[in-house]
Amino acid sequence: MSISETAPASSGALWTGRVLSGIIVLFMIFDGAIKLPPLDIVTQTMVPLGWPADANVARMLGIIGLISTALYALPRTSVIGAILLTAYMGGAIATNARVGNPLFSHTLFGVYLGVVLWAGLFLRDPRLRALLPFSR
């Protein structure tokens, strides 16, 4: 079965994918938006993670996150956006692991987001389902 022959997702699967993707988009918009001014809480919580309390660094991270999120939200660029967001979350995982934060609540939080991100995309994008056929 080629990508063009992929069966569309059921209505329930499609809407589940949209909701999961929407949760990720809303979370990442919030995450990026608080880094743009940046709020004092953002720069102060960066220090224990080994980042400088620098507004420009926070803004840069916010912009990268927001651009990646916008790419993920747009159907034509959703796969590249998912890849970029996965890389962004990988940086967060590495940062939390490096400073010894708790495994399940802090360090793996990026993994949880990544699973939701890819599940949402898988359910709403027939191209991805054709590329990764979990069942036949």
N, C-alpha and C. Protein backbone atom coordinates (compact mmCIF):
# COMPACT_ATOMS: atom_id res chain seq x y z
N MET A 1 0.85 -1.17 0.00
CA MET A 1 0.00 0.00 0.00
C MET A 1 0.91 1.24 0.00
N SER A 2 0.71 2.12 -0.94
CA SER A 2 1.52 3.33 -1.01
C SER A 2 0.91 4.41 -0.11
N ILE A 3 1.68 5.48 0.05
CA ILE A 3 1.21 6.58 0.89
C ILE A 3 -0.09 7.16 0.35
N SER A 4 -0.22 7.24 -0.96
CA SER A 4 -1.44 7.81 -1.52
C SER A 4 -2.64 6.89 -1.33
N GLU A 5 -2.40 5.57 -1.05
CA GLU A 5 -3.48 4.62 -0.86
C GLU A 5 -3.83 4.42 0.60
N THR A 6 -3.19 5.12 1.50
CA THR A 6 -3.42 4.94 2.92
C THR A 6 -4.85 5.27 3.28
N ALA A 7 -5.46 4.38 4.04
CA ALA A 7 -6.83 4.60 4.46
C ALA A 7 -6.88 5.76 5.46
N PRO A 8 -7.88 6.60 5.36
CA PRO A 8 -7.99 7.70 6.31
C PRO A 8 -8.30 7.15 7.70
N ALA A 9 -7.89 7.90 8.70
CA ALA A 9 -8.17 7.52 10.07
C ALA A 9 -9.67 7.64 10.33
N SER A 10 -10.14 6.87 11.28
CA SER A 10 -11.54 7.02 11.67
C SER A 10 -11.72 8.42 12.24
N SER A 11 -12.95 8.86 12.28
CA SER A 11 -13.25 10.19 12.82
C SER A 11 -12.76 10.32 14.26
N GLY A 12 -12.94 9.26 15.05
CA GLY A 12 -12.50 9.29 16.45
C GLY A 12 -10.99 9.40 16.57
N ALA A 13 -10.27 8.64 15.73
CA ALA A 13 -8.81 8.68 15.76
C ALA A 13 -8.31 10.05 15.30
N LEU A 14 -8.93 10.58 14.27
CA LEU A 14 -8.54 11.90 13.76
C LEU A 14 -8.72 12.97 14.83
N TRP A 15 -9.87 12.95 15.51
CA TRP A 15 -10.13 13.96 16.54
C TRP A 15 -9.25 13.74 17.76
N THR A 16 -8.95 12.51 18.09
CA THR A 16 -8.02 12.24 19.18
C THR A 16 -6.65 12.80 18.85
N GLY A 17 -6.21 12.60 17.61
CA GLY A 17 -4.94 13.15 17.16
C GLY A 17 -4.91 14.66 17.21
N ARG A 18 -6.01 15.28 16.80
CA ARG A 18 -6.09 16.74 16.85
C ARG A 18 -6.04 17.26 18.28
N VAL A 19 -6.74 16.57 19.19
CA VAL A 19 -6.74 17.00 20.60
C VAL A 19 -5.35 16.83 21.19
N LEU A 20 -4.71 15.68 20.96
CA LEU A 20 -3.36 15.48 21.48
C LEU A 20 -2.39 16.53 20.93
N SER A 21 -2.48 16.77 19.64
CA SER A 21 -1.62 17.78 19.02
C SER A 21 -1.93 19.17 19.58
N GLY A 22 -3.21 19.45 19.79
CA GLY A 22 -3.62 20.73 20.35
C GLY A 22 -3.06 20.95 21.74
N ILE A 23 -3.04 19.90 22.55
CA ILE A 23 -2.46 20.01 23.89
C ILE A 23 -0.99 20.38 23.80
N ILE A 24 -0.27 19.73 22.91
CA ILE A 24 1.15 20.03 22.74
C ILE A 24 1.34 21.46 22.25
N VAL A 25 0.55 21.87 21.25
CA VAL A 25 0.66 23.23 20.71
C VAL A 25 0.39 24.27 21.79
N LEU A 26 -0.67 24.08 22.56
CA LEU A 26 -0.99 25.04 23.63
C LEU A 26 0.11 25.09 24.69
N PHE A 27 0.61 23.93 25.09
CA PHE A 27 1.68 23.89 26.07
C PHE A 27 2.92 24.61 25.56
N MET A 28 3.29 24.34 24.31
CA MET A 28 4.51 24.94 23.75
C MET A 28 4.34 26.44 23.49
N ILE A 29 3.14 26.88 23.15
CA ILE A 29 2.90 28.32 23.01
C ILE A 29 3.09 29.00 24.36
N PHE A 30 2.54 28.41 25.41
CA PHE A 30 2.73 28.95 26.76
C PHE A 30 4.22 28.96 27.11
N ASP A 31 4.90 27.84 26.87
CA ASP A 31 6.33 27.73 27.18
C ASP A 31 7.14 28.80 26.44
N GLY A 32 6.86 28.99 25.17
CA GLY A 32 7.59 29.99 24.39
C GLY A 32 7.23 31.41 24.77
N ALA A 33 5.95 31.64 25.03
CA ALA A 33 5.47 33.00 25.34
C ALA A 33 6.06 33.53 26.64
N ILE A 34 6.23 32.68 27.65
CA ILE A 34 6.79 33.17 28.90
C ILE A 34 8.29 33.42 28.80
N LYS A 35 8.92 32.91 27.74
CA LYS A 35 10.35 33.12 27.54
C LYS A 35 10.64 34.37 26.71
N LEU A 36 9.66 34.92 26.05
CA LEU A 36 9.91 36.08 25.20
C LEU A 36 10.13 37.38 25.97
N PRO A 37 9.35 37.70 27.03
CA PRO A 37 9.58 38.98 27.71
C PRO A 37 10.95 39.10 28.38
N PRO A 38 11.62 38.14 28.92
CA PRO A 38 11.14 36.92 29.54
C PRO A 38 10.71 37.21 30.97
N LEU A 39 9.81 36.39 31.49
CA LEU A 39 9.38 36.56 32.87
C LEU A 39 10.54 36.26 33.80
N ASP A 40 10.58 36.94 34.94
CA ASP A 40 11.66 36.76 35.90
C ASP A 40 11.76 35.31 36.37
N ILE A 41 10.62 34.66 36.55
CA ILE A 41 10.63 33.27 36.99
C ILE A 41 11.37 32.38 36.00
N VAL A 42 11.32 32.73 34.72
CA VAL A 42 12.00 31.94 33.69
C VAL A 42 13.50 32.05 33.86
N THR A 43 14.01 33.27 33.94
CA THR A 43 15.46 33.44 34.04
C THR A 43 16.00 32.90 35.38
N GLN A 44 15.21 33.02 36.43
CA GLN A 44 15.66 32.53 37.74
C GLN A 44 15.67 31.00 37.80
N THR A 45 14.75 30.35 37.11
CA THR A 45 14.75 28.87 37.13
C THR A 45 15.75 28.29 36.14
N MET A 46 16.30 29.11 35.26
CA MET A 46 17.32 28.63 34.33
C MET A 46 18.65 28.40 35.04
N VAL A 47 18.94 29.18 36.08
CA VAL A 47 20.23 29.12 36.77
C VAL A 47 20.51 27.74 37.39
N PRO A 48 19.58 27.16 38.16
CA PRO A 48 19.87 25.83 38.72
C PRO A 48 20.04 24.74 37.66
N LEU A 49 19.56 25.01 36.46
CA LEU A 49 19.70 24.05 35.37
C LEU A 49 21.02 24.23 34.61
N GLY A 50 21.81 25.20 35.02
CA GLY A 50 23.10 25.43 34.38
C GLY A 50 23.08 26.44 33.26
N TRP A 51 21.95 27.11 33.06
CA TRP A 51 21.84 28.15 32.04
C TRP A 51 22.07 29.50 32.70
N PRO A 52 22.59 30.47 31.97
CA PRO A 52 22.74 31.80 32.57
C PRO A 52 21.38 32.49 32.71
N ALA A 53 21.27 33.34 33.70
CA ALA A 53 20.02 34.12 33.89
C ALA A 53 20.04 35.28 32.90
N ASP A 54 20.03 34.96 31.64
CA ASP A 54 20.19 35.93 30.57
C ASP A 54 18.90 35.99 29.75
N ALA A 55 18.33 37.18 29.65
CA ALA A 55 17.08 37.37 28.91
C ALA A 55 17.22 36.95 27.45
N ASN A 56 18.37 37.20 26.85
CA ASN A 56 18.56 36.85 25.43
C ASN A 56 18.57 35.34 25.21
N VAL A 57 19.15 34.60 26.15
CA VAL A 57 19.15 33.14 26.04
C VAL A 57 17.72 32.62 26.17
N ALA A 58 16.97 33.15 27.13
CA ALA A 58 15.57 32.75 27.30
C ALA A 58 14.76 33.06 26.04
N ARG A 59 14.96 34.25 25.48
CA ARG A 59 14.25 34.62 24.25
C ARG A 59 14.59 33.68 23.10
N MET A 60 15.88 33.35 22.97
CA MET A 60 16.31 32.46 21.90
C MET A 60 15.61 31.10 22.04
N LEU A 61 15.57 30.56 23.25
CA LEU A 61 14.90 29.28 23.47
C LEU A 61 13.41 29.40 23.17
N GLY A 62 12.79 30.51 23.57
CA GLY A 62 11.38 30.72 23.30
C GLY A 62 11.09 30.79 21.81
N ILE A 63 11.92 31.49 21.07
CA ILE A 63 11.73 31.62 19.62
C ILE A 63 11.90 30.28 18.93
N ILE A 64 12.92 29.52 19.32
CA ILE A 64 13.13 28.19 18.73
C ILE A 64 11.91 27.31 19.00
N GLY A 65 11.42 27.32 20.23
CA GLY A 65 10.25 26.52 20.57
C GLY A 65 9.01 26.94 19.81
N LEU A 66 8.80 28.25 19.69
CA LEU A 66 7.60 28.75 18.99
C LEU A 66 7.65 28.46 17.49
N ILE A 67 8.80 28.62 16.88
CA ILE A 67 8.93 28.32 15.45
C ILE A 67 8.69 26.83 15.21
N SER A 68 9.29 25.99 16.04
CA SER A 68 9.09 24.55 15.91
C SER A 68 7.63 24.17 16.11
N THR A 69 6.98 24.83 17.05
CA THR A 69 5.56 24.58 17.31
C THR A 69 4.70 25.00 16.13
N ALA A 70 5.00 26.15 15.55
CA ALA A 70 4.25 26.61 14.38
C ALA A 70 4.39 25.62 13.23
N LEU A 71 5.60 25.11 13.02
CA LEU A 71 5.81 24.12 11.96
C LEU A 71 5.02 22.84 12.25
N TYR A 72 4.98 22.43 13.51
CA TYR A 72 4.22 21.24 13.90
C TYR A 72 2.72 21.43 13.70
N ALA A 73 2.23 22.62 13.96
CA ALA A 73 0.80 22.89 13.87
C ALA A 73 0.30 22.93 12.42
N LEU A 74 1.16 23.27 11.49
CA LEU A 74 0.77 23.36 10.08
C LEU A 74 0.89 21.99 9.41
N PRO A 75 -0.18 21.50 8.80
CA PRO A 75 -0.15 20.14 8.22
C PRO A 75 1.00 19.90 7.24
N ARG A 76 1.32 20.86 6.41
CA ARG A 76 2.37 20.65 5.42
C ARG A 76 3.75 20.47 6.03
N THR A 77 3.98 21.08 7.20
CA THR A 77 5.30 21.04 7.82
C THR A 77 5.29 20.32 9.17
N SER A 78 4.22 19.58 9.44
CA SER A 78 4.06 18.98 10.76
C SER A 78 5.15 17.97 11.11
N VAL A 79 5.64 17.22 10.14
CA VAL A 79 6.67 16.22 10.44
C VAL A 79 7.98 16.91 10.81
N ILE A 80 8.39 17.91 10.06
CA ILE A 80 9.64 18.62 10.41
C ILE A 80 9.46 19.33 11.75
N GLY A 81 8.28 19.87 12.01
CA GLY A 81 8.02 20.49 13.31
C GLY A 81 8.12 19.47 14.44
N ALA A 82 7.60 18.27 14.22
CA ALA A 82 7.69 17.21 15.24
C ALA A 82 9.13 16.82 15.49
N ILE A 83 9.92 16.75 14.43
CA ILE A 83 11.34 16.41 14.58
C ILE A 83 12.05 17.51 15.38
N LEU A 84 11.79 18.78 15.05
CA LEU A 84 12.42 19.89 15.77
C LEU A 84 11.98 19.94 17.23
N LEU A 85 10.70 19.72 17.48
CA LEU A 85 10.22 19.71 18.87
C LEU A 85 10.82 18.54 19.65
N THR A 86 11.00 17.40 18.99
CA THR A 86 11.64 16.26 19.64
C THR A 86 13.07 16.61 20.03
N ALA A 87 13.77 17.30 19.16
CA ALA A 87 15.14 17.73 19.47
C ALA A 87 15.14 18.73 20.62
N TYR A 88 14.20 19.66 20.60
CA TYR A 88 14.07 20.66 21.67
C TYR A 88 13.83 19.97 23.02
N MET A 89 12.93 18.99 23.01
CA MET A 89 12.65 18.26 24.25
C MET A 89 13.83 17.40 24.67
N GLY A 90 14.57 16.91 23.70
CA GLY A 90 15.79 16.16 24.02
C GLY A 90 16.79 17.02 24.77
N GLY A 91 16.88 18.29 24.40
CA GLY A 91 17.75 19.20 25.13
C GLY A 91 17.28 19.39 26.56
N ALA A 92 15.97 19.46 26.74
CA ALA A 92 15.42 19.60 28.10
C ALA A 92 15.69 18.33 28.92
N ILE A 93 15.56 17.19 28.30
CA ILE A 93 15.84 15.93 28.98
C ILE A 93 17.31 15.88 29.40
N ALA A 94 18.21 16.22 28.48
CA ALA A 94 19.64 16.20 28.78
C ALA A 94 19.98 17.19 29.90
N THR A 95 19.38 18.37 29.87
CA THR A 95 19.63 19.38 30.90
C THR A 95 19.20 18.86 32.26
N ASN A 96 18.00 18.29 32.34
CA ASN A 96 17.51 17.78 33.61
C ASN A 96 18.31 16.57 34.10
N ALA A 97 18.74 15.72 33.18
CA ALA A 97 19.55 14.56 33.57
C ALA A 97 20.91 15.02 34.09
N ARG A 98 21.49 16.03 33.44
CA ARG A 98 22.82 16.52 33.82
C ARG A 98 22.84 17.07 35.23
N VAL A 99 21.78 17.76 35.64
CA VAL A 99 21.76 18.36 36.98
C VAL A 99 21.17 17.42 38.03
N GLY A 100 20.78 16.23 37.62
CA GLY A 100 20.30 15.23 38.57
C GLY A 100 18.89 15.46 39.08
N ASN A 101 18.04 16.06 38.27
CA ASN A 101 16.64 16.24 38.68
C ASN A 101 15.95 14.89 38.76
N PRO A 102 14.83 14.82 39.49
CA PRO A 102 14.10 13.55 39.61
C PRO A 102 13.74 12.98 38.23
N LEU A 103 13.89 11.66 38.11
CA LEU A 103 13.72 11.00 36.82
C LEU A 103 12.30 11.10 36.26
N PHE A 104 11.30 10.63 37.01
CA PHE A 104 9.96 10.51 36.45
C PHE A 104 9.20 11.82 36.36
N SER A 105 9.47 12.77 37.23
CA SER A 105 8.72 14.03 37.20
C SER A 105 9.39 15.10 36.34
N HIS A 106 10.70 15.18 36.32
CA HIS A 106 11.39 16.24 35.61
C HIS A 106 12.11 15.75 34.36
N THR A 107 13.00 14.79 34.54
CA THR A 107 13.86 14.36 33.43
C THR A 107 13.05 13.75 32.30
N LEU A 108 12.10 12.89 32.60
CA LEU A 108 11.32 12.23 31.56
C LEU A 108 10.12 13.03 31.07
N PHE A 109 9.92 14.23 31.58
CA PHE A 109 8.79 15.04 31.14
C PHE A 109 8.84 15.29 29.63
N GLY A 110 10.03 15.53 29.11
CA GLY A 110 10.18 15.71 27.66
C GLY A 110 9.82 14.45 26.88
N VAL A 111 10.08 13.29 27.46
CA VAL A 111 9.69 12.03 26.82
C VAL A 111 8.17 11.92 26.77
N TYR A 112 7.52 12.27 27.88
CA TYR A 112 6.05 12.23 27.91
C TYR A 112 5.47 13.15 26.84
N LEU A 113 6.02 14.37 26.75
CA LEU A 113 5.54 15.30 25.73
C LEU A 113 5.78 14.75 24.32
N GLY A 114 6.95 14.14 24.13
CA GLY A 114 7.28 13.58 22.82
C GLY A 114 6.35 12.46 22.41
N VAL A 115 5.98 11.62 23.35
CA VAL A 115 5.05 10.53 23.05
C VAL A 115 3.69 11.10 22.65
N VAL A 116 3.21 12.09 23.38
CA VAL A 116 1.92 12.71 23.05
C VAL A 116 2.01 13.40 21.69
N LEU A 117 3.11 14.10 21.45
CA LEU A 117 3.33 14.82 20.19
C LEU A 117 3.26 13.87 19.00
N TRP A 118 4.03 12.77 19.06
CA TRP A 118 4.07 11.83 17.94
C TRP A 118 2.78 11.03 17.82
N ALA A 119 2.13 10.71 18.95
CA ALA A 119 0.85 10.00 18.88
C ALA A 119 -0.20 10.88 18.20
N GLY A 120 -0.22 12.16 18.56
CA GLY A 120 -1.16 13.07 17.93
C GLY A 120 -0.92 13.18 16.43
N LEU A 121 0.33 13.29 16.05
CA LEU A 121 0.66 13.41 14.63
C LEU A 121 0.34 12.10 13.89
N PHE A 122 0.65 10.97 14.51
CA PHE A 122 0.37 9.68 13.90
C PHE A 122 -1.12 9.51 13.62
N LEU A 123 -1.94 9.92 14.56
CA LEU A 123 -3.38 9.75 14.41
C LEU A 123 -4.00 10.72 13.40
N ARG A 124 -3.37 11.86 13.17
CA ARG A 124 -3.97 12.84 12.26
C ARG A 124 -3.31 12.89 10.89
N ASP A 125 -2.19 12.20 10.69
CA ASP A 125 -1.46 12.29 9.42
C ASP A 125 -1.34 10.94 8.74
N PRO A 126 -2.06 10.72 7.63
CA PRO A 126 -2.00 9.43 6.94
C PRO A 126 -0.62 9.12 6.38
N ARG A 127 0.17 10.14 6.06
CA ARG A 127 1.52 9.89 5.54
C ARG A 127 2.39 9.20 6.59
N LEU A 128 2.25 9.63 7.83
CA LEU A 128 3.02 9.04 8.91
C LEU A 128 2.54 7.62 9.21
N ARG A 129 1.23 7.39 9.15
CA ARG A 129 0.69 6.05 9.36
C ARG A 129 1.17 5.11 8.27
N ALA A 130 1.34 5.59 7.04
CA ALA A 130 1.83 4.75 5.96
C ALA A 130 3.32 4.44 6.14
N LEU A 131 4.03 5.41 6.67
CA LEU A 131 5.48 5.24 6.88
C LEU A 131 5.75 4.29 8.04
N LEU A 132 4.91 4.36 9.07
CA LEU A 132 5.07 3.54 10.27
C LEU A 132 3.82 2.69 10.50
N PRO A 133 3.62 1.66 9.70
CA PRO A 133 2.38 0.86 9.85
C PRO A 133 2.50 -0.08 11.05
N PHE A 134 1.85 0.26 12.16
CA PHE A 134 1.92 -0.58 13.35
C PHE A 134 1.10 -1.85 13.20
N SER A 135 0.13 -1.84 12.30
CA SER A 135 -0.65 -3.05 12.04
C SER A 135 -1.05 -3.04 10.57
N ARG A 136 -1.33 -4.20 10.10
CA ARG A 136 -1.72 -4.33 8.69
C ARG A 136 -3.11 -4.87 8.59
